[in-house]
Amino acid sequence: MADISLTETQFESVIRECREIFLTKMKDYGTAWRILRAPSLTDQIYIKARRIRSIGDKGAQKINEGIKPEFIGIVNYAVIALIQLDLGTEERLELKEEEAAALYDKYICAARDLMLNKNHDYGEAWRNMRLSSLTDIILMKLMRTKQIEDNEGKTYISEGVDANYYDMINYAIFAVIKLNYETT
């Protein structure tokens, strides 16, 4: 069994990688993502997860970009979705880079804290999972999120869409850790 502190170190490394891409894309596009409603972000994450699954199922790809950038995209779009749930889409489409970075840090740190708590209880079980299973779980979380969105956010017993976004972040980061550090 891997050391939990190793997971935390690897998790932080992936967070830095995702954050750097988020901030670099902001230099190119600003905060154009502020126009997107949560369901649009859910669909964007779905597209990325479906591509990962499609590549795995077909064993080949035609676009010269692997699955790692797709998992990073899932992380970043899920953080953006959490920001949008907090701020809404009606006001202030432009955010200063410092403000966007602070919001990114707020939600990615909350995801990390959730991971640490769950990882403590589950004892590094994710390390024995296949990439295909991590992808399938992300797709399941997306289907749950879509259903909750279609129900206008109402649930009877389940957590809301934010909990699903946090789980998507953590499963996608686990996938990047596997791609970065584990050999098959």
Protein backbone atom coordinates (compact mmCIF):
# COMPACT_ATOMS: atom_id res chain seq x y z
CA MET A 1 0.00 0.00 0.00
CA ALA A 2 1.30 3.46 -0.89
CA ASP A 3 2.02 6.01 1.78
CA ILE A 4 -0.74 8.60 2.23
CA SER A 5 1.91 11.34 2.35
CA LEU A 6 3.09 10.17 -1.10
CA THR A 7 -0.46 10.63 -2.38
CA GLU A 8 -0.60 14.12 -0.92
CA THR A 9 2.75 15.03 -2.54
CA GLN A 10 1.71 13.64 -5.91
CA PHE A 11 -1.72 15.27 -5.64
CA GLU A 12 -0.11 18.67 -4.95
CA SER A 13 2.18 18.22 -7.96
CA VAL A 14 -0.79 17.56 -10.24
CA ILE A 15 -2.69 20.50 -8.74
CA ARG A 16 0.25 22.77 -9.63
CA GLU A 17 0.25 21.40 -13.18
CA CYS A 18 -3.51 21.97 -13.57
CA ARG A 19 -3.33 25.45 -12.03
CA GLU A 20 -0.50 26.49 -14.35
CA ILE A 21 -2.55 25.46 -17.38
CA PHE A 22 -5.61 27.28 -16.01
CA LEU A 23 -3.65 30.51 -15.50
CA THR A 24 -1.84 30.26 -18.85
CA LYS A 25 -5.14 29.80 -20.68
CA MET A 26 -6.46 32.86 -18.85
CA LYS A 27 -3.66 34.86 -20.48
CA ASP A 28 -4.98 33.72 -23.88
CA TYR A 29 -8.73 33.84 -23.26
CA GLY A 30 -9.32 35.92 -20.14
CA THR A 31 -12.34 34.72 -18.20
CA ALA A 32 -14.50 33.98 -21.25
CA TRP A 33 -15.65 30.89 -19.31
CA ARG A 34 -17.67 33.20 -17.04
CA ILE A 35 -20.44 33.20 -19.68
CA LEU A 36 -21.00 29.45 -19.27
CA ARG A 37 -23.80 28.11 -17.12
CA ALA A 38 -23.18 25.03 -14.99
CA PRO A 39 -24.98 22.64 -17.39
CA SER A 40 -22.74 23.84 -20.23
CA LEU A 41 -19.69 23.10 -18.09
CA THR A 42 -21.10 19.68 -17.23
CA ASP A 43 -21.44 18.99 -20.96
CA GLN A 44 -17.88 20.19 -21.63
CA ILE A 45 -16.57 17.79 -18.98
CA TYR A 46 -18.73 15.05 -20.51
CA ILE A 47 -17.10 15.60 -23.93
CA LYS A 48 -13.64 15.20 -22.38
CA ALA A 49 -14.58 12.06 -20.44
CA ARG A 50 -16.25 10.51 -23.50
CA ARG A 51 -13.10 11.14 -25.57
CA ILE A 52 -10.99 9.40 -22.91
CA ARG A 53 -13.36 6.43 -22.92
CA SER A 54 -13.53 6.35 -26.71
CA ILE A 55 -9.74 6.28 -27.02
CA GLY A 56 -9.60 3.47 -24.47
CA ASP A 57 -12.33 1.47 -26.21
CA LYS A 58 -10.86 1.92 -29.70
CA GLY A 59 -7.25 1.61 -28.64
CA ALA A 60 -6.37 4.43 -31.03
CA GLN A 61 -6.85 8.12 -31.56
CA LYS A 62 -6.84 10.42 -34.60
CA ILE A 63 -6.13 13.69 -32.77
CA ASN A 64 -2.53 13.90 -31.63
CA GLU A 65 -3.33 14.74 -28.03
CA GLY A 66 -3.39 12.05 -25.38
CA ILE A 67 -5.74 11.51 -22.49
CA LYS A 68 -3.72 13.34 -19.85
CA PRO A 69 -4.72 16.81 -21.15
CA GLU A 70 -8.34 15.64 -21.12
CA PHE A 71 -8.11 14.66 -17.45
CA ILE A 72 -6.49 18.03 -16.69
CA GLY A 73 -9.33 19.68 -18.60
CA ILE A 74 -11.84 17.80 -16.43
CA VAL A 75 -10.11 19.13 -13.31
CA ASN A 76 -10.09 22.70 -14.57
CA TYR A 77 -13.64 22.72 -15.95
CA ALA A 78 -14.94 21.21 -12.69
CA VAL A 79 -13.19 23.98 -10.72
CA ILE A 80 -14.69 26.54 -13.10
CA ALA A 81 -18.12 24.96 -12.54
CA LEU A 82 -17.71 25.35 -8.78
CA ILE A 83 -16.72 28.98 -9.27
CA GLN A 84 -19.77 29.53 -11.48
CA LEU A 85 -22.06 27.92 -8.90
CA ASP A 86 -20.66 30.37 -6.36
CA LEU A 87 -20.63 33.53 -8.48
CA GLY A 88 -23.43 32.83 -10.93
CA THR A 89 -23.24 33.86 -14.58
CA GLU A 90 -25.24 37.06 -14.59
CA GLU A 91 -22.73 39.55 -13.29
CA ARG A 92 -19.10 40.50 -13.89
CA LEU A 93 -17.95 38.41 -16.80
CA GLU A 94 -14.40 39.63 -16.36
CA LEU A 95 -12.38 38.67 -13.31
CA LYS A 96 -8.91 39.90 -12.57
CA GLU A 97 -6.27 37.19 -12.77
CA GLU A 98 -5.59 37.42 -9.03
CA GLU A 99 -9.27 36.99 -8.19
CA ALA A 100 -9.70 34.05 -10.57
CA ALA A 101 -6.53 32.44 -9.16
CA ALA A 102 -7.78 32.91 -5.59
CA LEU A 103 -11.13 31.31 -6.47
CA TYR A 104 -9.35 28.45 -8.24
CA ASP A 105 -7.20 27.90 -5.14
CA LYS A 106 -10.25 27.97 -2.87
CA TYR A 107 -12.01 25.17 -4.72
CA ILE A 108 -8.98 23.05 -5.57
CA CYS A 109 -7.92 23.17 -1.89
CA ALA A 110 -11.41 22.11 -0.84
CA ALA A 111 -11.16 19.20 -3.30
CA ARG A 112 -7.75 18.26 -1.88
CA ASP A 113 -9.08 18.35 1.69
CA LEU A 114 -12.00 16.14 0.67
CA MET A 115 -9.57 13.73 -1.01
CA LEU A 116 -7.39 13.53 2.10
CA ASN A 117 -10.39 12.72 4.29
CA LYS A 118 -11.78 10.13 1.91
CA ASN A 119 -8.36 8.65 1.19
CA HIS A 120 -7.83 8.21 4.93
CA ASP A 121 -11.07 6.26 5.21
CA TYR A 122 -10.69 4.26 1.98
CA GLY A 123 -7.00 3.51 2.49
CA GLU A 124 -5.55 4.33 -0.94
CA ALA A 125 -8.07 2.06 -2.72
CA TRP A 126 -7.89 4.26 -5.83
CA ARG A 127 -4.32 3.06 -6.47
CA ASN A 128 -5.69 -0.39 -7.34
CA MET A 129 -8.23 1.01 -9.78
CA ARG A 130 -7.80 1.02 -13.55
CA LEU A 131 -7.80 4.24 -15.58
CA SER A 132 -10.90 2.92 -17.33
CA SER A 133 -12.69 2.63 -13.98
CA LEU A 134 -11.72 6.16 -12.99
CA THR A 135 -13.09 7.36 -16.33
CA ASP A 136 -16.32 5.40 -15.86
CA ILE A 137 -16.81 6.85 -12.38
CA ILE A 138 -16.33 10.37 -13.76
CA LEU A 139 -18.93 9.59 -16.44
CA MET A 140 -21.31 8.29 -13.77
CA LYS A 141 -20.79 11.48 -11.73
CA LEU A 142 -21.58 13.45 -14.90
CA MET A 143 -24.81 11.52 -15.48
CA ARG A 144 -25.80 12.17 -11.86
CA THR A 145 -24.99 15.84 -12.26
CA LYS A 146 -27.03 16.09 -15.46
CA GLN A 147 -30.00 14.47 -13.71
CA ILE A 148 -29.77 16.88 -10.77
CA GLU A 149 -29.49 19.82 -13.19
CA ASP A 150 -32.52 18.54 -15.11
CA ASN A 151 -34.35 18.40 -11.77
CA GLU A 152 -33.45 22.08 -11.22
CA GLY A 153 -31.03 21.18 -8.44
CA LYS A 154 -33.58 19.31 -6.32
CA THR A 155 -32.52 16.08 -4.67
CA TYR A 156 -34.29 13.83 -2.19
CA ILE A 157 -31.36 12.25 -0.42
CA SER A 158 -28.27 12.88 -2.52
CA GLU A 159 -25.62 15.54 -2.33
CA GLY A 160 -25.87 18.33 -4.87
CA VAL A 161 -23.97 19.00 -8.07
CA ASP A 162 -21.07 20.58 -6.19
CA ALA A 163 -20.25 17.26 -4.49
CA ASN A 164 -20.15 15.56 -7.90
CA TYR A 165 -17.82 18.24 -9.28
CA TYR A 166 -15.48 17.74 -6.32
CA ASP A 167 -15.46 13.98 -6.92
CA MET A 168 -14.75 14.53 -10.64
CA ILE A 169 -11.77 16.71 -9.71
CA ASN A 170 -10.37 14.07 -7.39
CA TYR A 171 -10.87 11.11 -9.73
CA ALA A 172 -9.32 13.06 -12.62
CA ILE A 173 -6.32 13.98 -10.45
CA PHE A 174 -5.95 10.33 -9.45
CA ALA A 175 -5.88 9.48 -13.17
CA VAL A 176 -3.16 12.06 -13.83
CA ILE A 177 -1.16 10.70 -10.89
CA LYS A 178 -1.40 7.23 -12.42
CA LEU A 179 -0.32 8.58 -15.81
CA ASN A 180 2.56 10.60 -14.30
CA TYR A 181 3.95 8.16 -11.75
CA GLU A 182 2.85 4.60 -12.39
CA THR A 183 4.06 2.22 -15.04
CA THR A 184 1.77 -0.37 -16.50
